[in-house]
Amino acid sequence: MRDGILNRINELASNPVCEKGLKGRLQGLCRARVGDYRIIYSIDHEHRIIRIIDVGKRENIYERL
């Protein structure tokens, strides 16, 4: 699973798009899905920077943020 997560992060670095925007208190953040795991990130479009906020299992990642 680690390789899948790293591959997805590299894809985001090459093409910084918001796969799916989050809502509510997490508005402004994006998420990418890799199996049961989620990568929570933000995008600075002006500087083309992806900031990884957290990576974890879907069952508890949103409560940690």
PDB file of N, CA and C in Angstrom:
ATOM      1  N   MET A   1       0.820  -1.191   0.000  1.00  0.00           N
ATOM      2  CA  MET A   1       0.000   0.000   0.000  1.00  0.00           C
ATOM      3  C   MET A   1       0.870   1.263   0.000  1.00  0.00           C
ATOM      4  N   ARG A   2       2.008   1.187   0.686  1.00  0.00           N
ATOM      5  CA  ARG A   2       2.900   2.350   0.749  1.00  0.00           C
ATOM      6  C   ARG A   2       3.303   2.816  -0.649  1.00  0.00           C
ATOM      7  N   ASP A   3       3.640   1.875  -1.518  1.00  0.00           N
ATOM      8  CA  ASP A   3       4.043   2.244  -2.879  1.00  0.00           C
ATOM      9  C   ASP A   3       2.900   2.920  -3.622  1.00  0.00           C
ATOM     10  N   GLY A   4       1.684   2.432  -3.429  1.00  0.00           N
ATOM     11  CA  GLY A   4       0.517   3.040  -4.066  1.00  0.00           C
ATOM     12  C   GLY A   4       0.303   4.475  -3.607  1.00  0.00           C
ATOM     13  N   ILE A   5       0.479   4.709  -2.319  1.00  0.00           N
ATOM     14  CA  ILE A   5       0.328   6.061  -1.770  1.00  0.00           C
ATOM     15  C   ILE A   5       1.417   6.974  -2.317  1.00  0.00           C
ATOM     16  N   LEU A   6       2.657   6.496  -2.336  1.00  0.00           N
ATOM     17  CA  LEU A   6       3.757   7.311  -2.873  1.00  0.00           C
ATOM     18  C   LEU A   6       3.561   7.598  -4.357  1.00  0.00           C
ATOM     19  N   ASN A   7       3.085   6.611  -5.110  1.00  0.00           N
ATOM     20  CA  ASN A   7       2.812   6.825  -6.533  1.00  0.00           C
ATOM     21  C   ASN A   7       1.744   7.892  -6.731  1.00  0.00           C
ATOM     22  N   ARG A   8       0.692   7.839  -5.913  1.00  0.00           N
ATOM     23  CA  ARG A   8      -0.391   8.825  -6.046  1.00  0.00           C
ATOM     24  C   ARG A   8       0.107  10.226  -5.685  1.00  0.00           C
ATOM     25  N   ILE A   9       0.942  10.335  -4.664  1.00  0.00           N
ATOM     26  CA  ILE A   9       1.514  11.634  -4.298  1.00  0.00           C
ATOM     27  C   ILE A   9       2.383  12.163  -5.435  1.00  0.00           C
ATOM     28  N   ASN A  10       3.162  11.302  -6.076  1.00  0.00           N
ATOM     29  CA  ASN A  10       3.977  11.724  -7.222  1.00  0.00           C
ATOM     30  C   ASN A  10       3.104  12.176  -8.383  1.00  0.00           C
ATOM     31  N   GLU A  11       1.975  11.498  -8.607  1.00  0.00           N
ATOM     32  CA  GLU A  11       1.036  11.920  -9.656  1.00  0.00           C
ATOM     33  C   GLU A  11       0.489  13.313  -9.349  1.00  0.00           C
ATOM     34  N   LEU A  12       0.128  13.532  -8.083  1.00  0.00           N
ATOM     35  CA  LEU A  12      -0.383  14.848  -7.689  1.00  0.00           C
ATOM     36  C   LEU A  12       0.683  15.926  -7.866  1.00  0.00           C
ATOM     37  N   ALA A  13       1.931  15.593  -7.573  1.00  0.00           N
ATOM     38  CA  ALA A  13       3.023  16.561  -7.737  1.00  0.00           C
ATOM     39  C   ALA A  13       3.193  16.934  -9.205  1.00  0.00           C
ATOM     40  N   SER A  14       3.009  15.970 -10.103  1.00  0.00           N
ATOM     41  CA  SER A  14       3.147  16.224 -11.538  1.00  0.00           C
ATOM     42  C   SER A  14       1.952  16.975 -12.104  1.00  0.00           C
ATOM     43  N   ASN A  15       0.778  16.714 -11.536  1.00  0.00           N
ATOM     44  CA  ASN A  15      -0.457  17.304 -12.035  1.00  0.00           C
ATOM     45  C   ASN A  15      -1.317  17.715 -10.838  1.00  0.00           C
ATOM     46  N   PRO A  16      -1.055  18.891 -10.261  1.00  0.00           N
ATOM     47  CA  PRO A  16      -1.739  19.296  -9.033  1.00  0.00           C
ATOM     48  C   PRO A  16      -3.199  19.687  -9.257  1.00  0.00           C
ATOM     49  N   VAL A  17      -4.078  18.706  -9.141  1.00  0.00           N
ATOM     50  CA  VAL A  17      -5.514  18.944  -9.249  1.00  0.00           C
ATOM     51  C   VAL A  17      -6.192  18.429  -7.987  1.00  0.00           C
ATOM     52  N   CYS A  18      -7.337  19.003  -7.695  1.00  0.00           N
ATOM     53  CA  CYS A  18      -8.115  18.567  -6.543  1.00  0.00           C
ATOM     54  C   CYS A  18      -9.010  17.420  -6.996  1.00  0.00           C
ATOM     55  N   GLU A  19      -8.657  16.197  -6.591  1.00  0.00           N
ATOM     56  CA  GLU A  19      -9.437  15.023  -6.989  1.00  0.00           C
ATOM     57  C   GLU A  19     -10.866  15.139  -6.484  1.00  0.00           C
ATOM     58  N   LYS A  20     -11.004  15.492  -5.218  1.00  0.00           N
ATOM     59  CA  LYS A  20     -12.326  15.723  -4.643  1.00  0.00           C
ATOM     60  C   LYS A  20     -12.171  16.711  -3.500  1.00  0.00           C
ATOM     61  N   GLY A  21     -12.943  17.795  -3.566  1.00  0.00           N
ATOM     62  CA  GLY A  21     -12.900  18.796  -2.510  1.00  0.00           C
ATOM     63  C   GLY A  21     -13.685  18.339  -1.291  1.00  0.00           C
ATOM     64  N   LEU A  22     -13.189  18.704  -0.116  1.00  0.00           N
ATOM     65  CA  LEU A  22     -13.877  18.354   1.119  1.00  0.00           C
ATOM     66  C   LEU A  22     -14.830  19.478   1.506  1.00  0.00           C
ATOM     67  N   LYS A  23     -15.772  19.159   2.388  1.00  0.00           N
ATOM     68  CA  LYS A  23     -16.816  20.114   2.772  1.00  0.00           C
ATOM     69  C   LYS A  23     -16.757  20.394   4.264  1.00  0.00           C
ATOM     70  N   GLY A  24     -17.594  21.329   4.677  1.00  0.00           N
ATOM     71  CA  GLY A  24     -17.713  21.645   6.099  1.00  0.00           C
ATOM     72  C   GLY A  24     -16.447  22.264   6.650  1.00  0.00           C
ATOM     73  N   ARG A  25     -16.039  21.802   7.828  1.00  0.00           N
ATOM     74  CA  ARG A  25     -14.865  22.374   8.488  1.00  0.00           C
ATOM     75  C   ARG A  25     -13.573  22.079   7.734  1.00  0.00           C
ATOM     76  N   LEU A  26     -13.617  21.146   6.783  1.00  0.00           N
ATOM     77  CA  LEU A  26     -12.425  20.793   5.995  1.00  0.00           C
ATOM     78  C   LEU A  26     -12.443  21.428   4.604  1.00  0.00           C
ATOM     79  N   GLN A  27     -13.366  22.355   4.393  1.00  0.00           N
ATOM     80  CA  GLN A  27     -13.462  23.021   3.099  1.00  0.00           C
ATOM     81  C   GLN A  27     -12.135  23.679   2.755  1.00  0.00           C
ATOM     82  N   GLY A  28     -11.739  23.578   1.511  1.00  0.00           N
ATOM     83  CA  GLY A  28     -10.456  24.112   1.064  1.00  0.00           C
ATOM     84  C   GLY A  28      -9.384  23.039   0.953  1.00  0.00           C
ATOM     85  N   LEU A  29      -9.666  21.865   1.534  1.00  0.00           N
ATOM     86  CA  LEU A  29      -8.748  20.732   1.417  1.00  0.00           C
ATOM     87  C   LEU A  29      -9.277  19.763   0.370  1.00  0.00           C
ATOM     88  N   CYS A  30      -8.388  18.939  -0.135  1.00  0.00           N
ATOM     89  CA  CYS A  30      -8.735  17.938  -1.135  1.00  0.00           C
ATOM     90  C   CYS A  30      -8.385  16.559  -0.604  1.00  0.00           C
ATOM     91  N   ARG A  31      -8.952  15.547  -1.251  1.00  0.00           N
ATOM     92  CA  ARG A  31      -8.589  14.188  -0.870  1.00  0.00           C
ATOM     93  C   ARG A  31      -8.371  13.352  -2.115  1.00  0.00           C
ATOM     94  N   ALA A  32      -7.449  12.419  -1.988  1.00  0.00           N
ATOM     95  CA  ALA A  32      -7.195  11.425  -3.026  1.00  0.00           C
ATOM     96  C   ALA A  32      -7.353  10.063  -2.368  1.00  0.00           C
ATOM     97  N   ARG A  33      -7.936   9.140  -3.098  1.00  0.00           N
ATOM     98  CA  ARG A  33      -8.201   7.807  -2.568  1.00  0.00           C
ATOM     99  C   ARG A  33      -7.177   6.821  -3.106  1.00  0.00           C
ATOM    100  N   VAL A  34      -6.652   5.987  -2.211  1.00  0.00           N
ATOM    101  CA  VAL A  34      -5.763   4.882  -2.584  1.00  0.00           C
ATOM    102  C   VAL A  34      -6.233   3.685  -1.761  1.00  0.00           C
ATOM    103  N   GLY A  35      -7.106   2.875  -2.343  1.00  0.00           N
ATOM    104  CA  GLY A  35      -7.689   1.755  -1.602  1.00  0.00           C
ATOM    105  C   GLY A  35      -8.479   2.267  -0.413  1.00  0.00           C
ATOM    106  N   ASP A  36      -8.194   1.741   0.776  1.00  0.00           N
ATOM    107  CA  ASP A  36      -8.865   2.172   2.008  1.00  0.00           C
ATOM    108  C   ASP A  36      -8.212   3.403   2.622  1.00  0.00           C
ATOM    109  N   TYR A  37      -7.193   3.933   1.990  1.00  0.00           N
ATOM    110  CA  TYR A  37      -6.457   5.079   2.525  1.00  0.00           C
ATOM    111  C   TYR A  37      -6.858   6.361   1.811  1.00  0.00           C
ATOM    112  N   ARG A  38      -6.701   7.475   2.515  1.00  0.00           N
ATOM    113  CA  ARG A  38      -6.963   8.789   1.954  1.00  0.00           C
ATOM    114  C   ARG A  38      -5.736   9.665   2.152  1.00  0.00           C
ATOM    115  N   ILE A  39      -5.456  10.452   1.135  1.00  0.00           N
ATOM    116  CA  ILE A  39      -4.412  11.471   1.207  1.00  0.00           C
ATOM    117  C   ILE A  39      -5.150  12.803   1.273  1.00  0.00           C
ATOM    118  N   ILE A  40      -4.962  13.531   2.349  1.00  0.00           N
ATOM    119  CA  ILE A  40      -5.593  14.837   2.501  1.00  0.00           C
ATOM    120  C   ILE A  40      -4.527  15.883   2.177  1.00  0.00           C
ATOM    121  N   TYR A  41      -4.871  16.814   1.284  1.00  0.00           N
ATOM    122  CA  TYR A  41      -3.869  17.773   0.826  1.00  0.00           C
ATOM    123  C   TYR A  41      -4.521  19.091   0.437  1.00  0.00           C
ATOM    124  N   SER A  42      -3.688  20.097   0.282  1.00  0.00           N
ATOM    125  CA  SER A  42      -4.129  21.384  -0.248  1.00  0.00           C
ATOM    126  C   SER A  42      -3.229  21.732  -1.427  1.00  0.00           C
ATOM    127  N   ILE A  43      -3.725  22.628  -2.256  1.00  0.00           N
ATOM    128  CA  ILE A  43      -2.978  23.037  -3.451  1.00  0.00           C
ATOM    129  C   ILE A  43      -2.770  24.546  -3.419  1.00  0.00           C
ATOM    130  N   ASP A  44      -1.533  24.962  -3.625  1.00  0.00           N
ATOM    131  CA  ASP A  44      -1.204  26.367  -3.839  1.00  0.00           C
ATOM    132  C   ASP A  44      -1.015  26.499  -5.353  1.00  0.00           C
ATOM    133  N   HIS A  45      -2.094  26.904  -6.038  1.00  0.00           N
ATOM    134  CA  HIS A  45      -2.061  26.953  -7.505  1.00  0.00           C
ATOM    135  C   HIS A  45      -1.047  27.970  -8.028  1.00  0.00           C
ATOM    136  N   GLU A  46      -0.900  29.067  -7.322  1.00  0.00           N
ATOM    137  CA  GLU A  46       0.025  30.111  -7.772  1.00  0.00           C
ATOM    138  C   GLU A  46       1.452  29.584  -7.869  1.00  0.00           C
ATOM    139  N   HIS A  47       1.860  28.782  -6.889  1.00  0.00           N
ATOM    140  CA  HIS A  47       3.223  28.257  -6.861  1.00  0.00           C
ATOM    141  C   HIS A  47       3.302  26.787  -7.259  1.00  0.00           C
ATOM    142  N   ARG A  48       2.156  26.200  -7.627  1.00  0.00           N
ATOM    143  CA  ARG A  48       2.071  24.778  -8.017  1.00  0.00           C
ATOM    144  C   ARG A  48       2.695  23.877  -6.946  1.00  0.00           C
ATOM    145  N   ILE A  49       2.229  24.078  -5.710  1.00  0.00           N
ATOM    146  CA  ILE A  49       2.718  23.297  -4.574  1.00  0.00           C
ATOM    147  C   ILE A  49       1.565  22.492  -3.988  1.00  0.00           C
ATOM    148  N   ILE A  50       1.833  21.225  -3.727  1.00  0.00           N
ATOM    149  CA  ILE A  50       0.891  20.353  -3.023  1.00  0.00           C
ATOM    150  C   ILE A  50       1.385  20.228  -1.585  1.00  0.00           C
ATOM    151  N   ARG A  51       0.513  20.503  -0.637  1.00  0.00           N
ATOM    152  CA  ARG A  51       0.854  20.315   0.781  1.00  0.00           C
ATOM    153  C   ARG A  51       0.090  19.105   1.291  1.00  0.00           C
ATOM    154  N   ILE A  52       0.810  18.073   1.671  1.00  0.00           N
ATOM    155  CA  ILE A  52       0.186  16.877   2.232  1.00  0.00           C
ATOM    156  C   ILE A  52      -0.121  17.175   3.698  1.00  0.00           C
ATOM    157  N   ILE A  53      -1.390  17.112   4.047  1.00  0.00           N
ATOM    158  CA  ILE A  53      -1.830  17.405   5.408  1.00  0.00           C
ATOM    159  C   ILE A  53      -1.779  16.143   6.264  1.00  0.00           C
ATOM    160  N   ASP A  54      -2.279  15.032   5.710  1.00  0.00           N
ATOM    161  CA  ASP A  54      -2.306  13.773   6.459  1.00  0.00           C
ATOM    162  C   ASP A  54      -2.576  12.632   5.493  1.00  0.00           C
ATOM    163  N   VAL A  55      -2.165  11.443   5.891  1.00  0.00           N
ATOM    164  CA  VAL A  55      -2.437  10.210   5.148  1.00  0.00           C
ATOM    165  C   VAL A  55      -2.879   9.180   6.169  1.00  0.00           C
ATOM    166  N   GLY A  56      -3.973   8.500   5.885  1.00  0.00           N
ATOM    167  CA  GLY A  56      -4.426   7.482   6.828  1.00  0.00           C
ATOM    168  C   GLY A  56      -5.626   6.726   6.307  1.00  0.00           C
ATOM    169  N   LYS A  57      -6.061   5.750   7.092  1.00  0.00           N
ATOM    170  CA  LYS A  57      -7.231   4.954   6.720  1.00  0.00           C
ATOM    171  C   LYS A  57      -8.482   5.818   6.756  1.00  0.00           C
ATOM    172  N   ARG A  58      -9.378   5.545   5.848  1.00  0.00           N
ATOM    173  CA  ARG A  58     -10.598   6.318   5.719  1.00  0.00           C
ATOM    174  C   ARG A  58     -11.404   6.313   7.013  1.00  0.00           C
ATOM    175  N   GLU A  59     -11.362   5.205   7.742  1.00  0.00           N
ATOM    176  CA  GLU A  59     -12.195   5.064   8.939  1.00  0.00           C
ATOM    177  C   GLU A  59     -11.891   6.075  10.036  1.00  0.00           C
ATOM    178  N   ASN A  60     -10.678   6.657  10.036  1.00  0.00           N
ATOM    179  CA  ASN A  60     -10.380   7.604  11.116  1.00  0.00           C
ATOM    180  C   ASN A  60      -9.636   8.868  10.692  1.00  0.00           C
ATOM    181  N   ILE A  61      -9.342   9.015   9.428  1.00  0.00           N
ATOM    182  CA  ILE A  61      -8.533  10.173   9.014  1.00  0.00           C
ATOM    183  C   ILE A  61      -9.254  11.499   9.231  1.00  0.00           C
ATOM    184  N   TYR A  62     -10.554  11.536   8.968  1.00  0.00           N
ATOM    185  CA  TYR A  62     -11.269  12.808   9.056  1.00  0.00           C
ATOM    186  C   TYR A  62     -11.417  13.278  10.503  1.00  0.00           C
ATOM    187  N   GLU A  63     -11.497  12.354  11.449  1.00  0.00           N
ATOM    188  CA  GLU A  63     -11.593  12.726  12.856  1.00  0.00           C
ATOM    189  C   GLU A  63     -10.273  13.305  13.363  1.00  0.00           C
ATOM    190  N   ARG A  64      -9.158  12.895  12.761  1.00  0.00           N
ATOM    191  CA  ARG A  64      -7.841  13.372  13.198  1.00  0.00           C
ATOM    192  C   ARG A  64      -7.563  14.804  12.767  1.00  0.00           C
ATOM    193  N   LEU A  65      -8.274  15.256  11.765  1.00  0.00           N
ATOM    194  CA  LEU A  65      -7.997  16.599  11.222  1.00  0.00           C
ATOM    195  C   LEU A  65      -8.688  17.677  12.026  1.00  0.00           C
TER     196      LEU A  65
END
